[in-house]
Amino acid sequence: MIGGVTIIELTKRQEIIIEIVKSEGPITGEQIAEKLNLTRATLRPDLAILTMSGFLDARPRVGYFYTGKTANQLLGEHIKSLSVGEYKSIPVVIQENTSVYDAICTMFLEDIGSIFVVKKEGFLAGVVSRKDLLKAAMGKTELNSVPVSIIMSRMPNLILCRSEDSLFEAAMQMVTHQIDSLPVVRSHQTSEQEWEVIGRITKTTIVKAFVELGQAMKV
């Protein structure tokens, strides 16, 4: 089960049912059962699976008809239905006054590519990347005394996502803007201008989702 949706491998009989409906639909369950020399009760689970999976649709007093969607199209629709909230992980955050040195230590200890920086109230202030920290370390910056807020990318120039956004959209944002992660945020109750960080989506998240889909989808 992925994202609350079960992805199945079609049986030979289910493939035959699809072909029958594709060529003769709309067609009733009784008519399909007759063609396969089966009882309607025996066929019912197959029809339910094919309908829930999106291959077939059914209309009362009309029968079953083929939706015209291939397995690849259905997989694409499923991918776009996955939400950020289902896959977000715990965010790694530091305060604005954290030193560049401590930010570097945090990044390597957590084995991440970027860190979200928050204000003392806990609202998102910016993001510091591995590249930002590398530039600081290679320069003449006093790593222990310079706060990370000096080198971070600041709000409102950050790409954000929310739990209700699709994972596909988040992935597109990362590809378009060439970044390795996105903060998952929600607006604060008292101010729509401030954002609370409630998670993160990374390239690793996308790869994990892709691998899970690949393992589950065999049609």
Protein backbone atom coordinates (compact mmCIF):
# COMPACT_ATOMS: atom_id res chain seq x y z
CA MET A 1 0.00 0.00 0.00
CA ILE A 2 1.38 3.40 -1.00
CA GLY A 3 -0.13 6.71 0.01
CA GLY A 4 -3.31 4.96 1.12
CA VAL A 5 -3.83 3.33 -2.29
CA THR A 6 -3.21 -0.34 -2.96
CA ILE A 7 -1.43 -1.04 -6.24
CA ILE A 8 -2.01 -4.57 -7.57
CA GLU A 9 -0.78 -6.87 -10.28
CA LEU A 10 -3.59 -7.78 -12.64
CA THR A 11 -4.46 -11.45 -13.05
CA LYS A 12 -4.95 -13.05 -16.46
CA ARG A 13 -8.72 -13.10 -15.91
CA GLN A 14 -8.77 -9.41 -15.06
CA GLU A 15 -6.84 -8.65 -18.24
CA ILE A 16 -9.41 -10.64 -20.24
CA ILE A 17 -12.25 -8.74 -18.54
CA ILE A 18 -10.66 -5.45 -19.56
CA GLU A 19 -10.42 -6.62 -23.17
CA ILE A 20 -14.08 -7.72 -23.16
CA VAL A 21 -15.26 -4.39 -21.75
CA LYS A 22 -12.96 -2.46 -24.08
CA SER A 23 -14.44 -4.14 -27.17
CA GLU A 24 -18.09 -4.56 -26.11
CA GLY A 25 -18.78 -2.03 -23.38
CA PRO A 26 -20.94 -0.82 -21.92
CA ILE A 27 -21.65 -4.35 -20.79
CA THR A 28 -23.29 -5.74 -17.67
CA GLY A 29 -21.62 -7.95 -15.12
CA GLU A 30 -23.97 -10.75 -16.02
CA GLN A 31 -22.97 -10.56 -19.66
CA ILE A 32 -19.27 -10.59 -18.78
CA ALA A 33 -19.79 -13.60 -16.52
CA GLU A 34 -21.65 -15.43 -19.28
CA LYS A 35 -18.81 -14.88 -21.73
CA LEU A 36 -16.33 -16.32 -19.22
CA ASN A 37 -18.62 -19.18 -18.16
CA LEU A 38 -18.52 -17.92 -14.58
CA THR A 39 -21.13 -16.93 -12.04
CA ARG A 40 -21.74 -13.26 -11.31
CA ALA A 41 -20.64 -13.85 -7.69
CA THR A 42 -17.31 -15.32 -8.83
CA LEU A 43 -16.68 -12.32 -11.05
CA ARG A 44 -17.70 -9.66 -8.53
CA PRO A 45 -14.28 -9.32 -6.78
CA ASP A 46 -12.50 -8.89 -10.13
CA LEU A 47 -14.93 -6.20 -11.26
CA ALA A 48 -14.60 -4.40 -7.93
CA ILE A 49 -10.79 -4.41 -8.19
CA LEU A 50 -10.79 -3.16 -11.78
CA THR A 51 -13.29 -0.43 -10.94
CA MET A 52 -11.42 0.75 -7.84
CA SER A 53 -8.13 0.66 -9.73
CA GLY A 54 -9.55 2.93 -12.42
CA PHE A 55 -9.41 0.58 -15.40
CA LEU A 56 -13.20 0.29 -15.56
CA ASP A 57 -16.11 2.48 -14.59
CA ALA A 58 -19.66 1.40 -13.86
CA ARG A 59 -23.03 3.09 -14.24
CA PRO A 60 -26.27 1.82 -12.73
CA ARG A 61 -28.56 0.12 -15.26
CA VAL A 62 -25.95 0.68 -17.98
CA GLY A 63 -23.01 -1.57 -17.09
CA TYR A 64 -19.25 -1.45 -17.17
CA PHE A 65 -17.20 0.52 -19.66
CA TYR A 66 -13.50 0.98 -20.27
CA THR A 67 -12.05 4.25 -18.99
CA GLY A 68 -9.44 4.36 -21.74
CA LYS A 69 -6.64 4.65 -19.22
CA THR A 70 -3.55 2.51 -19.48
CA ALA A 71 -1.59 1.21 -16.51
CA ASN A 72 1.00 3.93 -17.11
CA GLN A 73 -1.66 6.64 -17.09
CA LEU A 74 -3.13 5.29 -13.88
CA LEU A 75 0.33 5.16 -12.34
CA GLY A 76 0.90 8.77 -13.38
CA GLU A 77 -2.37 9.81 -11.78
CA HIS A 78 -1.43 7.93 -8.63
CA ILE A 79 1.98 9.63 -8.45
CA LYS A 80 0.30 13.02 -8.71
CA SER A 81 -2.10 12.06 -5.93
CA LEU A 82 0.68 11.43 -3.40
CA SER A 83 0.84 14.28 -0.92
CA VAL A 84 3.79 15.96 0.73
CA GLY A 85 2.22 15.24 4.11
CA GLU A 86 2.45 11.48 3.54
CA TYR A 87 6.19 11.60 2.90
CA LYS A 88 7.59 14.55 4.84
CA SER A 89 10.33 13.84 7.37
CA ILE A 90 11.40 15.61 10.56
CA PRO A 91 13.06 18.95 9.75
CA VAL A 92 16.52 19.88 10.98
CA VAL A 93 16.47 23.48 12.21
CA ILE A 94 18.88 25.89 13.86
CA GLN A 95 18.51 29.39 15.28
CA GLU A 96 19.54 32.52 13.40
CA ASN A 97 22.32 33.21 15.90
CA THR A 98 23.88 29.75 15.51
CA SER A 99 27.49 30.05 14.41
CA VAL A 100 28.61 28.94 10.97
CA TYR A 101 30.90 26.42 12.68
CA ASP A 102 28.00 24.84 14.59
CA ALA A 103 25.90 24.80 11.42
CA ILE A 104 28.66 22.86 9.64
CA CYS A 105 28.81 20.38 12.52
CA THR A 106 25.03 19.95 12.46
CA MET A 107 24.99 19.37 8.73
CA PHE A 108 27.60 16.62 8.86
CA LEU A 109 26.19 14.97 11.98
CA GLU A 110 22.69 14.88 10.45
CA ASP A 111 24.08 13.98 6.98
CA ILE A 112 21.87 16.49 5.17
CA GLY A 113 22.37 18.96 2.34
CA SER A 114 20.65 21.98 3.83
CA ILE A 115 19.41 23.28 7.17
CA PHE A 116 16.39 25.43 7.88
CA VAL A 117 17.06 28.52 9.96
CA VAL A 118 14.37 29.83 12.31
CA LYS A 119 13.85 33.00 14.30
CA LYS A 120 13.75 32.88 18.08
CA GLU A 121 9.94 32.66 17.85
CA GLY A 122 10.35 29.52 15.77
CA PHE A 123 9.28 30.99 12.43
CA LEU A 124 11.18 30.22 9.23
CA ALA A 125 13.88 32.82 8.53
CA GLY A 126 16.00 31.19 5.86
CA VAL A 127 17.88 28.18 4.56
CA VAL A 128 21.61 27.47 4.60
CA SER A 129 22.99 24.97 2.11
CA ARG A 130 26.13 22.89 1.94
CA LYS A 131 27.40 25.27 -0.74
CA ASP A 132 26.81 28.29 1.54
CA LEU A 133 28.80 26.68 4.34
CA LEU A 134 31.57 25.56 2.01
CA LYS A 135 32.01 29.11 0.70
CA ALA A 136 32.21 30.43 4.24
CA ALA A 137 34.73 27.76 5.27
CA MET A 138 36.95 28.50 2.26
CA GLY A 139 36.93 32.24 2.89
CA LYS A 140 38.31 34.31 5.73
CA THR A 141 35.14 33.99 7.78
CA GLU A 142 35.62 33.44 11.52
CA LEU A 143 33.43 30.36 11.68
CA ASN A 144 32.90 30.43 15.44
CA SER A 145 31.84 34.04 15.66
CA VAL A 146 29.81 34.64 12.49
CA PRO A 147 26.08 33.76 12.79
CA VAL A 148 24.57 31.60 10.10
CA SER A 149 22.05 34.37 9.35
CA ILE A 150 24.86 36.25 7.55
CA ILE A 151 25.28 33.59 4.85
CA MET A 152 21.83 32.01 4.58
CA SER A 153 19.22 32.52 1.85
CA ARG A 154 16.44 34.58 3.38
CA MET A 155 12.69 34.72 3.34
CA PRO A 156 10.72 35.56 1.28
CA ASN A 157 13.07 34.32 -1.43
CA LEU A 158 12.61 30.66 -0.52
CA ILE A 159 10.68 27.87 -2.20
CA LEU A 160 8.18 26.36 0.23
CA CYS A 161 5.62 23.58 0.22
CA ARG A 162 2.69 22.55 2.39
CA SER A 163 1.46 19.18 3.56
CA GLU A 164 -1.49 19.27 1.17
CA ASP A 165 0.70 19.89 -1.88
CA SER A 166 1.43 16.96 -4.16
CA LEU A 167 4.78 15.22 -3.95
CA PHE A 168 5.03 15.56 -7.72
CA GLU A 169 4.76 19.36 -7.49
CA ALA A 170 7.43 19.41 -4.76
CA ALA A 171 9.74 17.35 -6.96
CA MET A 172 9.15 19.71 -9.89
CA GLN A 173 10.02 22.67 -7.69
CA MET A 174 13.30 21.08 -6.64
CA VAL A 175 14.22 20.27 -10.24
CA THR A 176 13.23 23.72 -11.53
CA HIS A 177 15.12 25.62 -8.84
CA GLN A 178 17.99 23.13 -8.55
CA ILE A 179 17.69 22.66 -4.80
CA ASP A 180 17.99 19.50 -2.74
CA SER A 181 15.19 20.04 -0.24
CA LEU A 182 12.06 22.01 0.59
CA PRO A 183 10.73 23.09 3.97
CA VAL A 184 7.21 21.89 4.65
CA VAL A 185 5.41 24.78 6.33
CA ARG A 186 2.10 25.95 7.70
CA SER A 187 0.99 29.52 8.30
CA HIS A 188 0.96 30.71 11.89
CA GLN A 189 -2.38 31.28 13.56
CA THR A 190 -1.63 34.92 14.37
CA SER A 191 0.21 35.95 11.21
CA GLU A 192 -0.14 34.86 7.61
CA GLN A 193 3.29 36.37 6.94
CA GLU A 194 5.06 33.90 9.22
CA TRP A 195 5.64 30.20 8.58
CA GLU A 196 6.18 27.33 10.97
CA VAL A 197 8.45 24.55 9.73
CA ILE A 198 6.71 21.20 10.24
CA GLY A 199 8.78 18.94 7.98
CA ARG A 200 11.03 18.63 4.98
CA ILE A 201 10.99 17.01 1.56
CA THR A 202 14.32 16.04 0.01
CA LYS A 203 15.59 14.40 -3.16
CA THR A 204 16.02 11.26 -1.07
CA THR A 205 12.30 11.44 -0.25
CA ILE A 206 11.45 11.49 -3.95
CA VAL A 207 13.77 8.57 -4.68
CA LYS A 208 12.22 6.56 -1.84
CA ALA A 209 8.71 7.18 -3.17
CA PHE A 210 9.80 6.26 -6.69
CA VAL A 211 11.41 3.00 -5.50
CA GLU A 212 8.29 2.05 -3.51
CA LEU A 213 6.13 2.61 -6.57
CA GLY A 214 8.49 0.57 -8.72
CA GLN A 215 8.39 -2.32 -6.28
CA ALA A 216 4.60 -2.28 -6.03
CA MET A 217 3.50 -1.56 -9.59
CA LYS A 218 4.00 -4.60 -11.84
CA VAL A 219 1.24 -4.09 -14.38
